[in-house]
Amino acid sequence: MAKTTFADLFESEAVILADGGMGTMLMAAGLQPGDSPELWNVEHADEVRSIHRGYLAAGAQIILTNTFGGNQRRLMHRQLERRAVELNQAAAVLARAEVDALDRRVVVGGSIGPTGVLMAPLGDLTYDEAAGIFEEQAGALVAGGVDVLWVETMSDLQELRAAVEGCRKVAADFPIVATMTFDSHGHTSMGVAPEAAVEAFGTMELLAFGGNCGNGPEEIEGVIESMHTLAPEAVLIAKSNAGLPKMVDGQQVYDATPEVMAEHARRVRDLGARIIGACCGSTPAHIQAMGQALKG
């Protein structure tokens, strides 16, 4: 089958099912606290590919690369900053191989998460430095074969803008989407409300935008409702955590079952979301249940 573009999905599907948590599945496969998820792209490639296959088998039409923390600044915490290009490109190649083996419309999103440090003047990371860091990551993802650059879990509008600018420097017309996480009383941790996010997103010429991660389905539903009211024609993304985490027998477990997330998928669709998936705590079982619910 010919390679599917992001635009192809929009033309063929009213609602698009995205994948679920990568970190959750990596931990289930043996990733230990303090280990680098991105290093698994070269040291445990078969495990990463297996996770992608699980989400594809569950019906996901968009899968994200294992590169959420793959920017140079974040990799610095594990002395892997010089391997940023290698690890991101390897991740894209793994996801691309799984998608290319299918005979249906699926695209690969190149996951780009925050640097994990504060931007100046609150921190030491300047805008230009951040844009350069994201440009390096985006370039490696594009070289590896992603279909869309997927900026996610941002809290700071300045860092969001730097990420999008970095992506644009790689390829001015390449598809880009972005999401922020509204985990602090309906705002991001840096005080950004959904209304301010919509205003900022609207200046960036994104194909889609929305919210992800956070404190569970109810929070994301409120975010999507607000965004849809302000931008009714926008393609909105909803990727909620599977509820809230709690410790069970020494393990972090999220409390939203596949059935709960299936009901959430219907609600958030009705509130205006068009790309629906899940984030932390979710598994292929959650995505399969959500996909089935969206068909109803």
Protein backbone atom coordinates (compact mmCIF):
# COMPACT_ATOMS: atom_id res chain seq x y z
CA MET A 1 0.00 0.00 0.00
CA ALA A 2 1.27 3.52 -0.80
CA LYS A 3 2.50 5.57 2.16
CA THR A 4 -0.31 7.37 3.95
CA THR A 5 0.06 11.07 4.63
CA PHE A 6 -1.42 12.91 7.57
CA ALA A 7 -3.77 14.66 5.12
CA ASP A 8 -4.94 11.26 3.83
CA LEU A 9 -6.26 10.38 7.29
CA PHE A 10 -8.25 13.61 7.53
CA GLU A 11 -9.83 13.00 4.16
CA SER A 12 -10.80 9.42 4.93
CA GLU A 13 -11.77 9.47 8.62
CA ALA A 14 -14.17 11.58 10.65
CA VAL A 15 -12.46 10.60 13.91
CA ILE A 16 -8.90 9.28 14.11
CA LEU A 17 -7.70 6.85 16.78
CA ALA A 18 -4.23 7.53 18.18
CA ASP A 19 -2.13 5.21 20.32
CA GLY A 20 -1.65 5.11 24.08
CA GLY A 21 1.16 5.26 26.61
CA MET A 22 4.68 4.30 25.55
CA GLY A 23 6.35 4.68 28.95
CA THR A 24 3.71 2.51 30.60
CA MET A 25 4.39 -0.30 28.15
CA LEU A 26 8.17 0.07 28.41
CA MET A 27 7.98 -0.29 32.18
CA ALA A 28 5.84 -3.38 31.79
CA ALA A 29 8.55 -4.73 29.48
CA GLY A 30 11.29 -4.14 32.05
CA LEU A 31 12.36 -0.50 31.87
CA GLN A 32 13.71 0.41 35.31
CA PRO A 33 13.47 3.77 37.10
CA GLY A 34 16.38 5.92 35.97
CA ASP A 35 16.84 4.04 32.68
CA SER A 36 16.58 5.90 29.39
CA PRO A 37 13.47 4.97 27.38
CA GLU A 38 15.13 6.32 24.23
CA LEU A 39 18.14 4.03 24.64
CA TRP A 40 15.76 1.12 24.15
CA ASN A 41 15.44 2.18 20.51
CA VAL A 42 18.87 0.66 19.92
CA GLU A 43 19.38 -1.74 22.84
CA HIS A 44 15.87 -3.26 22.96
CA ALA A 45 14.53 -2.49 19.51
CA ASP A 46 12.40 -5.63 19.36
CA GLU A 47 10.56 -4.60 22.54
CA VAL A 48 9.83 -1.14 21.14
CA ARG A 49 8.58 -2.60 17.88
CA SER A 50 6.39 -5.03 19.84
CA ILE A 51 4.76 -2.10 21.65
CA HIS A 52 4.01 -0.40 18.34
CA ARG A 53 2.54 -3.66 17.03
CA GLY A 54 0.30 -3.91 20.06
CA TYR A 55 -1.19 -0.48 19.46
CA LEU A 56 -1.55 -1.12 15.74
CA ALA A 57 -3.32 -4.41 16.44
CA ALA A 58 -5.65 -2.49 18.79
CA GLY A 59 -6.64 -0.26 15.87
CA ALA A 60 -4.45 2.82 16.30
CA GLN A 61 -4.21 4.95 13.16
CA ILE A 62 -1.43 7.14 14.57
CA ILE A 63 1.52 5.77 16.52
CA LEU A 64 4.10 7.96 18.23
CA THR A 65 7.83 7.27 18.29
CA ASN A 66 9.62 6.42 21.52
CA THR A 67 11.26 9.84 21.66
CA PHE A 68 9.30 11.88 24.18
CA GLY A 69 12.50 12.62 26.13
CA GLY A 70 14.75 12.47 23.11
CA ASN A 71 15.90 16.07 22.99
CA GLN A 72 19.54 16.82 23.74
CA ARG A 73 18.84 18.73 26.96
CA ARG A 74 16.76 15.94 28.48
CA LEU A 75 19.17 13.23 27.36
CA MET A 76 21.93 15.13 29.15
CA HIS A 77 20.61 13.76 32.46
CA ARG A 78 21.80 10.31 31.36
CA GLN A 79 24.93 11.43 29.51
CA LEU A 80 23.32 10.59 26.17
CA GLU A 81 23.11 14.06 24.64
CA ARG A 82 25.64 13.24 21.92
CA ARG A 83 23.43 10.36 20.79
CA ALA A 84 20.27 12.43 20.28
CA VAL A 85 20.29 12.14 16.49
CA GLU A 86 21.03 8.41 16.59
CA LEU A 87 18.32 7.59 19.13
CA ASN A 88 15.61 9.68 17.47
CA GLN A 89 16.33 8.39 14.00
CA ALA A 90 16.38 4.80 15.27
CA ALA A 91 12.98 5.30 16.92
CA ALA A 92 11.47 6.64 13.72
CA VAL A 93 12.86 3.74 11.70
CA LEU A 94 11.33 1.22 14.15
CA ALA A 95 7.87 2.78 13.99
CA ARG A 96 8.09 3.25 10.22
CA ALA A 97 8.89 -0.45 9.72
CA GLU A 98 5.79 -1.53 11.65
CA VAL A 99 3.51 0.85 9.78
CA ASP A 100 4.93 -0.06 6.37
CA ALA A 101 4.13 -3.72 7.06
CA LEU A 102 0.41 -2.92 7.24
CA ASP A 103 -2.19 -2.70 4.50
CA ARG A 104 -4.22 0.16 5.98
CA ARG A 105 -3.98 3.89 6.57
CA VAL A 106 -1.64 4.59 9.51
CA VAL A 107 0.83 7.40 10.12
CA VAL A 108 3.89 7.81 12.33
CA GLY A 109 4.12 10.82 14.62
CA GLY A 110 7.53 11.92 15.81
CA SER A 111 7.09 12.58 19.55
CA ILE A 112 8.80 15.76 20.79
CA GLY A 113 8.39 16.45 24.49
CA PRO A 114 9.64 19.36 26.63
CA THR A 115 13.25 19.83 27.64
CA GLY A 116 12.42 19.45 31.31
CA VAL A 117 14.13 22.72 32.26
CA LEU A 118 12.85 26.26 32.69
CA MET A 119 13.20 28.78 29.92
CA ALA A 120 14.94 32.09 30.57
CA PRO A 121 14.49 34.31 32.50
CA LEU A 122 13.21 31.79 35.06
CA GLY A 123 15.83 29.25 33.97
CA ASP A 124 19.00 29.10 31.92
CA LEU A 125 17.60 27.86 28.59
CA THR A 126 17.27 30.64 26.03
CA TYR A 127 14.71 30.63 23.26
CA ASP A 128 17.33 30.29 20.53
CA GLU A 129 19.04 27.41 22.34
CA ALA A 130 15.70 25.63 22.74
CA ALA A 131 14.81 26.10 19.08
CA GLY A 132 18.18 24.61 18.11
CA ILE A 133 17.68 21.62 20.40
CA PHE A 134 14.26 20.91 18.93
CA GLU A 135 15.56 21.43 15.39
CA GLU A 136 18.12 18.68 15.95
CA GLN A 137 15.49 16.27 17.25
CA ALA A 138 12.96 17.08 14.52
CA GLY A 139 15.60 16.64 11.83
CA ALA A 140 16.47 13.17 13.07
CA LEU A 141 12.81 12.17 13.22
CA VAL A 142 12.14 13.37 9.69
CA ALA A 143 15.25 11.58 8.45
CA GLY A 144 13.97 8.40 10.09
CA GLY A 145 10.67 8.57 8.24
CA VAL A 146 7.96 10.11 10.43
CA ASP A 147 4.87 11.55 8.74
CA VAL A 148 4.13 14.33 11.23
CA LEU A 149 6.07 16.07 14.01
CA TRP A 150 4.11 15.70 17.25
CA VAL A 151 5.01 18.32 19.87
CA GLU A 152 3.41 17.23 23.13
CA THR A 153 2.97 17.78 26.87
CA MET A 154 4.14 21.38 26.76
CA SER A 155 3.48 23.73 29.69
CA ASP A 156 5.30 26.90 28.61
CA LEU A 157 4.14 28.88 25.56
CA GLN A 158 7.68 30.10 24.95
CA GLU A 159 9.00 26.54 24.84
CA LEU A 160 6.08 25.51 22.64
CA ARG A 161 6.94 28.26 20.17
CA ALA A 162 10.61 27.26 20.23
CA ALA A 163 9.68 23.65 19.49
CA VAL A 164 7.48 24.59 16.55
CA GLU A 165 10.14 26.97 15.21
CA GLY A 166 12.74 24.22 15.49
CA CYS A 167 10.49 21.90 13.51
CA ARG A 168 9.90 24.55 10.85
CA LYS A 169 13.65 25.04 10.40
CA VAL A 170 13.94 21.39 9.38
CA ALA A 171 11.22 21.56 6.74
CA ALA A 172 9.02 24.62 6.46
CA ASP A 173 5.98 22.75 5.13
CA PHE A 174 6.26 19.55 7.16
CA PRO A 175 3.07 18.62 9.09
CA ILE A 176 3.19 19.66 12.75
CA VAL A 177 0.69 19.19 15.58
CA ALA A 178 1.01 20.25 19.22
CA THR A 179 -0.56 19.63 22.60
CA MET A 180 -0.19 21.15 26.05
CA THR A 181 -0.91 19.57 29.41
CA PHE A 182 -3.40 21.36 31.67
CA ASP A 183 -2.66 19.65 34.96
CA SER A 184 -2.91 22.57 37.40
CA HIS A 185 -6.55 23.49 38.04
CA GLY A 186 -7.33 23.74 34.33
CA HIS A 187 -4.07 25.51 33.50
CA THR A 188 -0.61 24.27 32.61
CA SER A 189 2.02 24.30 35.35
CA MET A 190 3.23 27.61 33.87
CA GLY A 191 -0.23 29.16 34.17
CA VAL A 192 -1.47 28.81 30.58
CA ALA A 193 -5.25 28.43 30.25
CA PRO A 194 -6.87 26.58 27.31
CA GLU A 195 -8.07 29.92 25.95
CA ALA A 196 -4.52 31.33 25.84
CA ALA A 197 -3.26 28.11 24.31
CA VAL A 198 -5.85 28.29 21.51
CA GLU A 199 -4.79 31.85 20.75
CA ALA A 200 -1.14 30.80 20.56
CA PHE A 201 -1.84 27.64 18.57
CA GLY A 202 -3.76 29.73 16.08
CA THR A 203 -0.61 31.67 15.14
CA MET A 204 1.46 28.56 14.40
CA GLU A 205 -0.24 27.09 11.32
CA LEU A 206 -0.61 23.67 12.94
CA LEU A 207 -2.65 20.89 11.38
CA ALA A 208 -4.10 20.00 14.78
CA PHE A 209 -3.72 20.92 18.44
CA GLY A 210 -5.17 20.06 21.83
CA GLY A 211 -4.38 18.58 25.21
CA ASN A 212 -2.68 15.46 26.55
CA CYS A 213 -1.51 13.82 29.76
CA GLY A 214 -2.80 15.69 32.84
CA ASN A 215 -5.11 14.43 35.55
CA GLY A 216 -7.40 12.16 33.62
CA PRO A 217 -10.41 12.11 31.29
CA GLU A 218 -12.57 14.74 32.96
CA GLU A 219 -9.82 17.34 32.76
CA ILE A 220 -9.17 16.74 29.06
CA GLU A 221 -12.89 16.86 28.33
CA GLY A 222 -13.05 20.34 29.85
CA VAL A 223 -10.05 21.45 27.83
CA ILE A 224 -11.53 20.18 24.57
CA GLU A 225 -14.90 21.77 25.30
CA SER A 226 -13.22 25.15 25.86
CA MET A 227 -11.03 24.84 22.76
CA HIS A 228 -13.90 23.76 20.54
CA THR A 229 -15.99 26.72 21.67
CA LEU A 230 -13.18 29.11 20.77
CA ALA A 231 -12.04 27.36 17.58
CA PRO A 232 -14.93 25.24 16.26
CA GLU A 233 -13.21 24.52 12.93
CA ALA A 234 -9.92 23.34 14.48
CA VAL A 235 -8.86 19.70 14.46
CA LEU A 236 -8.55 18.95 18.18
CA ILE A 237 -6.41 16.27 19.83
CA ALA A 238 -7.36 14.56 23.10
CA LYS A 239 -4.87 12.15 24.69
CA SER A 240 -5.78 11.81 28.35
CA ASN A 241 -3.98 9.80 30.99
CA ALA A 242 -5.85 6.68 32.03
CA GLY A 243 -7.10 8.32 35.20
CA LEU A 244 -4.85 9.03 38.16
CA PRO A 245 -1.97 6.87 39.45
CA LYS A 246 -1.94 5.05 42.77
CA MET A 247 0.52 2.63 44.33
CA VAL A 248 -0.52 -1.03 44.36
CA ASP A 249 1.99 -3.57 45.69
CA GLY A 250 4.80 -1.12 45.07
CA GLN A 251 3.72 -0.47 41.47
CA GLN A 252 2.17 2.66 40.00
CA VAL A 253 -1.26 1.79 38.63
CA TYR A 254 -3.67 4.13 36.85
CA ASP A 255 -7.32 3.84 37.86
CA ALA A 256 -9.20 4.29 34.56
CA THR A 257 -10.11 0.93 33.05
CA PRO A 258 -10.54 0.36 29.30
CA GLU A 259 -14.29 0.66 29.84
CA VAL A 260 -13.90 4.05 31.52
CA MET A 261 -11.67 5.28 28.71
CA ALA A 262 -14.15 3.99 26.12
CA GLU A 263 -16.87 6.18 27.61
CA HIS A 264 -14.41 9.06 27.70
CA ALA A 265 -13.66 8.58 24.01
CA ARG A 266 -17.34 9.01 23.13
CA ARG A 267 -17.72 12.07 25.34
CA VAL A 268 -14.61 13.85 24.12
CA ARG A 269 -15.59 13.14 20.51
CA ASP A 270 -18.98 14.72 21.13
CA LEU A 271 -17.24 17.74 22.69
CA GLY A 272 -15.26 18.33 19.51
CA ALA A 273 -12.13 16.18 19.48
CA ARG A 274 -11.24 14.55 16.21
CA ILE A 275 -7.95 12.81 17.10
CA ILE A 276 -8.47 10.68 20.20
CA GLY A 277 -5.99 8.47 22.01
CA ALA A 278 -4.55 8.10 25.48
CA CYS A 279 -1.41 8.84 27.45
CA CYS A 280 0.17 7.63 30.72
CA GLY A 281 -1.26 4.47 32.20
CA SER A 282 -2.96 3.36 29.00
CA THR A 283 -2.33 0.14 27.10
CA PRO A 284 -3.47 -1.46 23.84
CA ALA A 285 -6.52 -2.74 25.73
CA HIS A 286 -7.55 0.85 26.44
CA ILE A 287 -7.03 1.89 22.82
CA GLN A 288 -8.97 -1.09 21.50
CA ALA A 289 -11.91 -0.30 23.78
CA MET A 290 -11.80 3.36 22.78
CA GLY A 291 -11.72 2.48 19.08
CA GLN A 292 -14.71 0.20 19.42
CA ALA A 293 -16.63 2.88 21.32
CA LEU A 294 -15.91 5.46 18.63
CA LYS A 295 -17.46 3.22 16.02
CA GLY A 296 -20.75 3.30 17.87
